[in-house]
């Protein structure tokens, strides 16, 4: 009996030490370089120098939600809610969203035409190949008169190329990994690029895009994501409040000048 009690006390002490070690370690946050990591660095350097976070910049086709699920990171900052929902369905889990910060308007870019009116018949258009951003791209093409989608798509229903009802210029659609879209501009008439990848490639969406998504009522706000267990971590809660603060909104507005749009006023 005494031996059992001693083992129980030792196990409890070990768990306590592990818990303390976890809190002592920096909060590991996986983020896209632009603008997400830049926003986090602003928070760290200007608003909360004492906040113990480690920013891990990623790009390309790494799946940051898998990194959280596997314990290789504690949180991420790179995605919007519709994309997260598709990831949760694939990964069989539910994450915690603790802040919404900004919108990166999807843009149409070209090095071959000066305006959408100049798009020739049969032109090739490159779009993101994941389901949520593909739907965004199709809706952006429709908003700018290049295609018409079928009537009757419900709110929140994702559009696919099979939902195109009218394609007057007979444009050809090719789906490309989002991170590769800036490299595709020279090979196609139009490329529809996510805001973060456009910025990383040296493009200025507010100036260089032939058309941008509207920010008003845009459902694709970028969010801070962590596990359900870490959602109550004091560091996560403090960082989430700061990411939605007027100071961060002002930083976004002044630094990105319409290429990235804050969700909250400031």
C-alpha atoms as a PDB file:
ATOM      1  CA  UNK A   1       0.000   0.000   0.000  1.00  0.00           C
ATOM      2  CA  UNK A   2       2.813   2.406   0.917  1.00  0.00           C
ATOM      3  CA  UNK A   3       4.642   1.525  -2.281  1.00  0.00           C
ATOM      4  CA  UNK A   4       1.515   2.240  -4.349  1.00  0.00           C
ATOM      5  CA  UNK A   5       1.036   5.598  -2.603  1.00  0.00           C
ATOM      6  CA  UNK A   6       4.667   6.496  -3.222  1.00  0.00           C
ATOM      7  CA  UNK A   7       4.331   5.651  -6.949  1.00  0.00           C
ATOM      8  CA  UNK A   8       1.177   7.779  -7.144  1.00  0.00           C
ATOM      9  CA  UNK A   9       2.924  10.758  -5.552  1.00  0.00           C
ATOM     10  CA  UNK A  10       5.892  10.398  -7.886  1.00  0.00           C
ATOM     11  CA  UNK A  11       3.595  10.241 -10.926  1.00  0.00           C
ATOM     12  CA  UNK A  12       1.744  13.359  -9.785  1.00  0.00           C
ATOM     13  CA  UNK A  13       5.047  15.169  -9.248  1.00  0.00           C
ATOM     14  CA  UNK A  14       6.210  14.185 -12.733  1.00  0.00           C
ATOM     15  CA  UNK A  15       2.994  15.491 -14.300  1.00  0.00           C
ATOM     16  CA  UNK A  16       3.373  18.722 -12.367  1.00  0.00           C
ATOM     17  CA  UNK A  17       6.926  19.145 -13.649  1.00  0.00           C
ATOM     18  CA  UNK A  18       5.845  18.453 -17.233  1.00  0.00           C
ATOM     19  CA  UNK A  19       3.025  20.984 -16.943  1.00  0.00           C
ATOM     20  CA  UNK A  20       5.393  23.593 -15.544  1.00  0.00           C
ATOM     21  CA  UNK A  21       7.897  22.888 -18.321  1.00  0.00           C
ATOM     22  CA  UNK A  22       5.175  23.347 -20.948  1.00  0.00           C
ATOM     23  CA  UNK A  23       4.221  26.728 -19.506  1.00  0.00           C
ATOM     24  CA  UNK A  24       7.889  27.726 -19.262  1.00  0.00           C
ATOM     25  CA  UNK A  25       8.499  26.956 -22.947  1.00  0.00           C
ATOM     26  CA  UNK A  26       7.631  29.604 -25.550  1.00  0.00           C
ATOM     27  CA  UNK A  27       4.261  29.374 -27.277  1.00  0.00           C
ATOM     28  CA  UNK A  28       5.152  28.007 -30.723  1.00  0.00           C
ATOM     29  CA  UNK A  29       3.163  29.746 -33.458  1.00  0.00           C
ATOM     30  CA  UNK A  30       3.373  28.695 -37.119  1.00  0.00           C
ATOM     31  CA  UNK A  31       2.680  31.667 -39.400  1.00  0.00           C
ATOM     32  CA  UNK A  32       2.910  32.730 -43.033  1.00  0.00           C
ATOM     33  CA  UNK A  33       5.764  35.230 -43.450  1.00  0.00           C
ATOM     34  CA  UNK A  34       3.563  38.023 -44.827  1.00  0.00           C
ATOM     35  CA  UNK A  35       1.505  39.474 -43.268  1.00  0.00           C
ATOM     36  CA  UNK A  36       0.937  37.042 -40.394  1.00  0.00           C
ATOM     37  CA  UNK A  37       4.466  36.796 -38.993  1.00  0.00           C
ATOM     38  CA  UNK A  38       4.896  40.553 -39.429  1.00  0.00           C
ATOM     39  CA  UNK A  39       1.730  41.192 -37.410  1.00  0.00           C
ATOM     40  CA  UNK A  40       2.900  38.823 -34.675  1.00  0.00           C
ATOM     41  CA  UNK A  41       6.295  40.528 -34.523  1.00  0.00           C
ATOM     42  CA  UNK A  42       4.583  43.918 -34.185  1.00  0.00           C
ATOM     43  CA  UNK A  43       2.578  42.584 -31.244  1.00  0.00           C
ATOM     44  CA  UNK A  44       5.665  41.039 -29.659  1.00  0.00           C
ATOM     45  CA  UNK A  45       7.973  44.038 -30.150  1.00  0.00           C
ATOM     46  CA  UNK A  46       5.593  46.957 -29.658  1.00  0.00           C
ATOM     47  CA  UNK A  47       2.675  45.780 -27.534  1.00  0.00           C
ATOM     48  CA  UNK A  48       3.860  42.837 -25.416  1.00  0.00           C
ATOM     49  CA  UNK A  49       7.667  42.431 -25.212  1.00  0.00           C
ATOM     50  CA  UNK A  50       7.218  40.119 -22.225  1.00  0.00           C
ATOM     51  CA  UNK A  51       4.931  37.698 -24.101  1.00  0.00           C
ATOM     52  CA  UNK A  52       6.890  34.484 -24.568  1.00  0.00           C
ATOM     53  CA  UNK A  53       6.149  33.373 -28.118  1.00  0.00           C
ATOM     54  CA  UNK A  54       8.220  31.699 -30.831  1.00  0.00           C
ATOM     55  CA  UNK A  55       7.213  32.585 -34.396  1.00  0.00           C
ATOM     56  CA  UNK A  56       7.897  29.799 -36.901  1.00  0.00           C
ATOM     57  CA  UNK A  57       7.594  31.074 -40.476  1.00  0.00           C
ATOM     58  CA  UNK A  58       6.352  28.622 -43.078  1.00  0.00           C
ATOM     59  CA  UNK A  59       5.488  28.835 -46.745  1.00  0.00           C
ATOM     60  CA  UNK A  60       4.426  26.522 -49.525  1.00  0.00           C
ATOM     61  CA  UNK A  61       2.345  23.426 -48.986  1.00  0.00           C
ATOM     62  CA  UNK A  62       3.129  22.643 -45.321  1.00  0.00           C
ATOM     63  CA  UNK A  63      -0.108  21.999 -43.400  1.00  0.00           C
ATOM     64  CA  UNK A  64       0.096  23.974 -40.142  1.00  0.00           C
ATOM     65  CA  UNK A  65      -3.099  22.421 -38.773  1.00  0.00           C
ATOM     66  CA  UNK A  66      -1.428  19.013 -38.893  1.00  0.00           C
ATOM     67  CA  UNK A  67       1.538  20.470 -37.010  1.00  0.00           C
ATOM     68  CA  UNK A  68      -0.798  21.517 -34.186  1.00  0.00           C
ATOM     69  CA  UNK A  69      -2.588  18.179 -34.194  1.00  0.00           C
ATOM     70  CA  UNK A  70       0.708  16.291 -33.985  1.00  0.00           C
ATOM     71  CA  UNK A  71       2.060  18.489 -31.189  1.00  0.00           C
ATOM     72  CA  UNK A  72       4.810  20.068 -33.307  1.00  0.00           C
ATOM     73  CA  UNK A  73       3.325  23.554 -32.798  1.00  0.00           C
ATOM     74  CA  UNK A  74       0.914  25.150 -30.336  1.00  0.00           C
ATOM     75  CA  UNK A  75      -0.979  27.519 -32.619  1.00  0.00           C
ATOM     76  CA  UNK A  76      -1.051  28.881 -36.146  1.00  0.00           C
ATOM     77  CA  UNK A  77      -1.876  32.099 -37.932  1.00  0.00           C
ATOM     78  CA  UNK A  78      -2.281  31.741 -41.693  1.00  0.00           C
ATOM     79  CA  UNK A  79      -5.843  30.757 -42.642  1.00  0.00           C
ATOM     80  CA  UNK A  80      -9.482  31.789 -42.828  1.00  0.00           C
ATOM     81  CA  UNK A  81     -12.406  29.971 -41.229  1.00  0.00           C
ATOM     82  CA  UNK A  82     -13.813  28.239 -44.359  1.00  0.00           C
ATOM     83  CA  UNK A  83     -10.390  26.693 -45.012  1.00  0.00           C
ATOM     84  CA  UNK A  84     -10.124  25.607 -41.373  1.00  0.00           C
ATOM     85  CA  UNK A  85     -13.514  23.867 -41.586  1.00  0.00           C
ATOM     86  CA  UNK A  86     -12.357  21.764 -44.557  1.00  0.00           C
ATOM     87  CA  UNK A  87      -9.142  20.886 -42.713  1.00  0.00           C
ATOM     88  CA  UNK A  88     -11.051  19.862 -39.586  1.00  0.00           C
ATOM     89  CA  UNK A  89     -13.219  17.540 -41.664  1.00  0.00           C
ATOM     90  CA  UNK A  90     -10.138  15.926 -43.221  1.00  0.00           C
ATOM     91  CA  UNK A  91      -8.213  15.661 -39.957  1.00  0.00           C
ATOM     92  CA  UNK A  92     -11.176  14.499 -37.876  1.00  0.00           C
ATOM     93  CA  UNK A  93     -10.778  17.112 -35.161  1.00  0.00           C
ATOM     94  CA  UNK A  94     -12.027  20.515 -34.033  1.00  0.00           C
ATOM     95  CA  UNK A  95      -9.642  23.359 -33.306  1.00  0.00           C
ATOM     96  CA  UNK A  96     -10.243  26.539 -31.310  1.00  0.00           C
ATOM     97  CA  UNK A  97     -10.453  29.937 -33.021  1.00  0.00           C
ATOM     98  CA  UNK A  98      -9.488  32.664 -30.562  1.00  0.00           C
ATOM     99  CA  UNK A  99      -9.174  35.786 -32.745  1.00  0.00           C
ATOM    100  CA  UNK A 100     -10.039  37.182 -36.184  1.00  0.00           C
ATOM    101  CA  UNK A 101      -7.608  39.810 -37.378  1.00  0.00           C
ATOM    102  CA  UNK A 102      -7.621  40.771 -41.046  1.00  0.00           C
ATOM    103  CA  UNK A 103      -8.753  40.048 -44.591  1.00  0.00           C
ATOM    104  CA  UNK A 104      -6.362  39.475 -47.476  1.00  0.00           C
ATOM    105  CA  UNK A 105      -8.467  40.252 -50.545  1.00  0.00           C
ATOM    106  CA  UNK A 106      -8.010  37.699 -53.327  1.00  0.00           C
ATOM    107  CA  UNK A 107      -6.774  39.465 -56.464  1.00  0.00           C
ATOM    108  CA  UNK A 108      -6.628  38.989 -60.229  1.00  0.00           C
ATOM    109  CA  UNK A 109      -3.145  39.695 -61.644  1.00  0.00           C
ATOM    110  CA  UNK A 110      -1.650  39.751 -65.119  1.00  0.00           C
ATOM    111  CA  UNK A 111       1.516  40.622 -66.989  1.00  0.00           C
ATOM    112  CA  UNK A 112      -0.180  40.178 -70.370  1.00  0.00           C
ATOM    113  CA  UNK A 113      -3.232  42.432 -70.217  1.00  0.00           C
ATOM    114  CA  UNK A 114      -3.763  45.881 -68.713  1.00  0.00           C
ATOM    115  CA  UNK A 115      -7.446  45.439 -67.894  1.00  0.00           C
ATOM    116  CA  UNK A 116     -10.001  42.662 -67.689  1.00  0.00           C
ATOM    117  CA  UNK A 117     -11.700  44.076 -70.776  1.00  0.00           C
ATOM    118  CA  UNK A 118      -8.565  43.105 -72.734  1.00  0.00           C
ATOM    119  CA  UNK A 119      -8.678  39.411 -71.804  1.00  0.00           C
ATOM    120  CA  UNK A 120      -8.704  37.529 -75.132  1.00  0.00           C
ATOM    121  CA  UNK A 121     -10.998  34.663 -76.039  1.00  0.00           C
ATOM    122  CA  UNK A 122      -9.605  31.316 -74.976  1.00  0.00           C
ATOM    123  CA  UNK A 123      -7.292  32.867 -72.377  1.00  0.00           C
ATOM    124  CA  UNK A 124      -5.886  30.646 -69.633  1.00  0.00           C
ATOM    125  CA  UNK A 125      -6.633  31.617 -66.045  1.00  0.00           C
ATOM    126  CA  UNK A 126      -4.769  30.098 -63.070  1.00  0.00           C
ATOM    127  CA  UNK A 127      -6.757  29.636 -59.842  1.00  0.00           C
ATOM    128  CA  UNK A 128      -5.976  28.235 -56.374  1.00  0.00           C
ATOM    129  CA  UNK A 129      -6.438  24.476 -56.220  1.00  0.00           C
ATOM    130  CA  UNK A 130      -7.932  24.156 -52.717  1.00  0.00           C
ATOM    131  CA  UNK A 131     -11.700  24.047 -52.518  1.00  0.00           C
ATOM    132  CA  UNK A 132     -12.358  27.214 -50.523  1.00  0.00           C
ATOM    133  CA  UNK A 133     -10.048  29.527 -52.460  1.00  0.00           C
ATOM    134  CA  UNK A 134     -11.141  27.980 -55.748  1.00  0.00           C
ATOM    135  CA  UNK A 135     -14.710  28.979 -54.887  1.00  0.00           C
ATOM    136  CA  UNK A 136     -13.529  32.475 -53.945  1.00  0.00           C
ATOM    137  CA  UNK A 137     -11.720  32.765 -57.280  1.00  0.00           C
ATOM    138  CA  UNK A 138     -14.770  31.689 -59.270  1.00  0.00           C
ATOM    139  CA  UNK A 139     -16.913  34.228 -57.451  1.00  0.00           C
ATOM    140  CA  UNK A 140     -14.315  36.915 -58.153  1.00  0.00           C
ATOM    141  CA  UNK A 141     -14.375  36.049 -61.863  1.00  0.00           C
ATOM    142  CA  UNK A 142     -18.165  36.279 -61.797  1.00  0.00           C
ATOM    143  CA  UNK A 143     -18.081  39.628 -59.968  1.00  0.00           C
ATOM    144  CA  UNK A 144     -15.911  40.974 -62.778  1.00  0.00           C
ATOM    145  CA  UNK A 145     -18.037  39.654 -65.650  1.00  0.00           C
ATOM    146  CA  UNK A 146     -15.765  36.901 -66.938  1.00  0.00           C
ATOM    147  CA  UNK A 147     -18.067  33.998 -66.054  1.00  0.00           C
ATOM    148  CA  UNK A 148     -21.561  33.413 -64.682  1.00  0.00           C
ATOM    149  CA  UNK A 149     -22.214  30.774 -62.055  1.00  0.00           C
ATOM    150  CA  UNK A 150     -25.408  28.749 -61.912  1.00  0.00           C
ATOM    151  CA  UNK A 151     -28.309  30.369 -60.133  1.00  0.00           C
ATOM    152  CA  UNK A 152     -29.426  28.761 -56.902  1.00  0.00           C
ATOM    153  CA  UNK A 153     -26.092  28.280 -55.147  1.00  0.00           C
ATOM    154  CA  UNK A 154     -26.911  28.551 -51.452  1.00  0.00           C
ATOM    155  CA  UNK A 155     -25.121  30.889 -49.051  1.00  0.00           C
ATOM    156  CA  UNK A 156     -21.943  29.188 -47.910  1.00  0.00           C
ATOM    157  CA  UNK A 157     -22.038  26.624 -50.732  1.00  0.00           C
ATOM    158  CA  UNK A 158     -18.649  26.327 -52.408  1.00  0.00           C
ATOM    159  CA  UNK A 159     -18.605  26.848 -56.165  1.00  0.00           C
ATOM    160  CA  UNK A 160     -16.660  24.544 -58.480  1.00  0.00           C
ATOM    161  CA  UNK A 161     -15.921  24.770 -62.220  1.00  0.00           C
ATOM    162  CA  UNK A 162     -18.934  22.514 -62.827  1.00  0.00           C
ATOM    163  CA  UNK A 163     -21.112  25.369 -61.504  1.00  0.00           C
ATOM    164  CA  UNK A 164     -20.142  27.684 -64.378  1.00  0.00           C
ATOM    165  CA  UNK A 165     -23.281  28.422 -66.408  1.00  0.00           C
ATOM    166  CA  UNK A 166     -21.805  30.873 -68.898  1.00  0.00           C
ATOM    167  CA  UNK A 167     -18.241  31.432 -70.068  1.00  0.00           C
ATOM    168  CA  UNK A 168     -18.515  33.984 -72.912  1.00  0.00           C
ATOM    169  CA  UNK A 169     -14.766  34.291 -73.524  1.00  0.00           C
ATOM    170  CA  UNK A 170     -14.274  30.524 -73.244  1.00  0.00           C
ATOM    171  CA  UNK A 171     -11.501  31.024 -70.711  1.00  0.00           C
ATOM    172  CA  UNK A 172      -9.617  27.883 -69.723  1.00  0.00           C
ATOM    173  CA  UNK A 173      -9.178  27.323 -65.992  1.00  0.00           C
ATOM    174  CA  UNK A 174      -6.095  25.641 -64.536  1.00  0.00           C
ATOM    175  CA  UNK A 175      -5.781  24.900 -60.843  1.00  0.00           C
ATOM    176  CA  UNK A 176      -2.418  25.579 -59.208  1.00  0.00           C
ATOM    177  CA  UNK A 177      -1.136  25.250 -55.631  1.00  0.00           C
ATOM    178  CA  UNK A 178      -1.685  28.693 -54.057  1.00  0.00           C
ATOM    179  CA  UNK A 179       1.984  29.252 -53.225  1.00  0.00           C
ATOM    180  CA  UNK A 180       2.930  28.630 -56.872  1.00  0.00           C
ATOM    181  CA  UNK A 181       0.460  31.101 -58.370  1.00  0.00           C
ATOM    182  CA  UNK A 182       2.824  34.112 -58.401  1.00  0.00           C
ATOM    183  CA  UNK A 183       5.243  32.055 -60.512  1.00  0.00           C
ATOM    184  CA  UNK A 184       2.426  31.218 -62.933  1.00  0.00           C
ATOM    185  CA  UNK A 185       1.738  34.842 -63.920  1.00  0.00           C
ATOM    186  CA  UNK A 186       4.171  34.752 -66.852  1.00  0.00           C
ATOM    187  CA  UNK A 187       2.580  31.602 -68.273  1.00  0.00           C
ATOM    188  CA  UNK A 188      -1.110  32.547 -68.175  1.00  0.00           C
ATOM    189  CA  UNK A 189      -3.308  35.496 -69.091  1.00  0.00           C
ATOM    190  CA  UNK A 190      -4.594  35.889 -65.521  1.00  0.00           C
ATOM    191  CA  UNK A 191      -3.613  34.478 -62.148  1.00  0.00           C
ATOM    192  CA  UNK A 192      -5.885  34.704 -59.112  1.00  0.00           C
ATOM    193  CA  UNK A 193      -3.618  34.920 -56.086  1.00  0.00           C
ATOM    194  CA  UNK A 194      -4.149  34.895 -52.327  1.00  0.00           C
ATOM    195  CA  UNK A 195      -3.118  38.157 -50.695  1.00  0.00           C
ATOM    196  CA  UNK A 196      -0.324  36.693 -48.565  1.00  0.00           C
ATOM    197  CA  UNK A 197       1.349  34.983 -51.522  1.00  0.00           C
ATOM    198  CA  UNK A 198       1.014  38.144 -53.627  1.00  0.00           C
ATOM    199  CA  UNK A 199       2.733  40.166 -50.898  1.00  0.00           C
ATOM    200  CA  UNK A 200       5.469  37.548 -50.482  1.00  0.00           C
ATOM    201  CA  UNK A 201       6.122  37.760 -54.242  1.00  0.00           C
ATOM    202  CA  UNK A 202       6.596  41.535 -54.071  1.00  0.00           C
ATOM    203  CA  UNK A 203       3.197  42.429 -55.509  1.00  0.00           C
ATOM    204  CA  UNK A 204       1.120  45.226 -53.995  1.00  0.00           C
ATOM    205  CA  UNK A 205      -2.489  44.006 -54.230  1.00  0.00           C
ATOM    206  CA  UNK A 206      -4.068  47.433 -53.826  1.00  0.00           C
ATOM    207  CA  UNK A 207      -1.975  48.729 -56.741  1.00  0.00           C
ATOM    208  CA  UNK A 208      -1.078  45.742 -58.926  1.00  0.00           C
ATOM    209  CA  UNK A 209      -4.303  43.706 -58.997  1.00  0.00           C
ATOM    210  CA  UNK A 210      -6.693  44.207 -61.910  1.00  0.00           C
ATOM    211  CA  UNK A 211      -9.500  43.405 -59.467  1.00  0.00           C
ATOM    212  CA  UNK A 212      -9.743  42.639 -55.751  1.00  0.00           C
ATOM    213  CA  UNK A 213     -12.361  40.993 -53.565  1.00  0.00           C
ATOM    214  CA  UNK A 214     -14.471  43.420 -51.589  1.00  0.00           C
ATOM    215  CA  UNK A 215     -13.565  43.554 -47.913  1.00  0.00           C
ATOM    216  CA  UNK A 216     -17.064  44.457 -46.749  1.00  0.00           C
ATOM    217  CA  UNK A 217     -18.993  41.412 -45.463  1.00  0.00           C
ATOM    218  CA  UNK A 218     -16.109  39.186 -46.550  1.00  0.00           C
ATOM    219  CA  UNK A 219     -16.324  35.797 -44.741  1.00  0.00           C
ATOM    220  CA  UNK A 220     -12.625  35.056 -45.236  1.00  0.00           C
ATOM    221  CA  UNK A 221     -11.146  36.833 -42.218  1.00  0.00           C
ATOM    222  CA  UNK A 222      -7.798  35.381 -41.165  1.00  0.00           C
ATOM    223  CA  UNK A 223      -7.887  33.760 -37.745  1.00  0.00           C
ATOM    224  CA  UNK A 224      -5.645  32.682 -34.881  1.00  0.00           C
ATOM    225  CA  UNK A 225      -6.041  28.940 -34.274  1.00  0.00           C
ATOM    226  CA  UNK A 226      -4.964  26.623 -31.468  1.00  0.00           C
ATOM    227  CA  UNK A 227      -6.097  23.440 -29.738  1.00  0.00           C
ATOM    228  CA  UNK A 228      -9.152  23.293 -27.519  1.00  0.00           C
ATOM    229  CA  UNK A 229      -6.861  22.613 -24.540  1.00  0.00           C
ATOM    230  CA  UNK A 230      -4.646  25.648 -25.189  1.00  0.00           C
ATOM    231  CA  UNK A 231      -7.503  28.056 -25.871  1.00  0.00           C
ATOM    232  CA  UNK A 232      -7.540  28.960 -22.163  1.00  0.00           C
ATOM    233  CA  UNK A 233      -3.770  29.353 -21.910  1.00  0.00           C
ATOM    234  CA  UNK A 234      -3.118  32.894 -20.546  1.00  0.00           C
ATOM    235  CA  UNK A 235      -0.612  33.568 -23.341  1.00  0.00           C
ATOM    236  CA  UNK A 236      -3.127  32.595 -26.013  1.00  0.00           C
ATOM    237  CA  UNK A 237      -5.851  34.694 -24.422  1.00  0.00           C
ATOM    238  CA  UNK A 238      -3.620  37.751 -24.103  1.00  0.00           C
ATOM    239  CA  UNK A 239      -2.284  37.430 -27.653  1.00  0.00           C
ATOM    240  CA  UNK A 240      -5.816  36.988 -29.021  1.00  0.00           C
ATOM    241  CA  UNK A 241      -6.970  40.215 -27.377  1.00  0.00           C
ATOM    242  CA  UNK A 242      -3.979  42.061 -28.843  1.00  0.00           C
ATOM    243  CA  UNK A 243      -4.548  40.652 -32.337  1.00  0.00           C
ATOM    244  CA  UNK A 244      -8.042  42.185 -32.277  1.00  0.00           C
ATOM    245  CA  UNK A 245      -6.872  45.487 -30.786  1.00  0.00           C
ATOM    246  CA  UNK A 246      -7.099  48.990 -32.309  1.00  0.00           C
ATOM    247  CA  UNK A 247      -3.289  49.149 -32.281  1.00  0.00           C
ATOM    248  CA  UNK A 248      -3.016  46.116 -34.561  1.00  0.00           C
ATOM    249  CA  UNK A 249      -5.768  47.472 -36.824  1.00  0.00           C
ATOM    250  CA  UNK A 250      -3.845  50.736 -37.195  1.00  0.00           C
ATOM    251  CA  UNK A 251      -0.606  48.852 -37.911  1.00  0.00           C
ATOM    252  CA  UNK A 252      -2.297  46.804 -40.642  1.00  0.00           C
ATOM    253  CA  UNK A 253      -3.930  49.824 -42.234  1.00  0.00           C
ATOM    254  CA  UNK A 254      -0.738  51.917 -42.249  1.00  0.00           C
ATOM    255  CA  UNK A 255       1.663  49.166 -43.340  1.00  0.00           C
ATOM    256  CA  UNK A 256      -0.386  47.454 -46.037  1.00  0.00           C
ATOM    257  CA  UNK A 257      -2.519  50.370 -47.325  1.00  0.00           C
ATOM    258  CA  UNK A 258      -5.487  48.359 -48.548  1.00  0.00           C
ATOM    259  CA  UNK A 259      -3.605  45.211 -49.547  1.00  0.00           C
ATOM    260  CA  UNK A 260      -4.507  43.770 -46.129  1.00  0.00           C
ATOM    261  CA  UNK A 261      -7.650  45.033 -44.379  1.00  0.00           C
ATOM    262  CA  UNK A 262      -8.207  44.885 -40.602  1.00  0.00           C
ATOM    263  CA  UNK A 263     -11.375  43.215 -39.382  1.00  0.00           C
ATOM    264  CA  UNK A 264     -11.657  45.523 -36.391  1.00  0.00           C
ATOM    265  CA  UNK A 265     -11.623  49.311 -36.329  1.00  0.00           C
ATOM    266  CA  UNK A 266      -8.747  51.319 -34.989  1.00  0.00           C
END
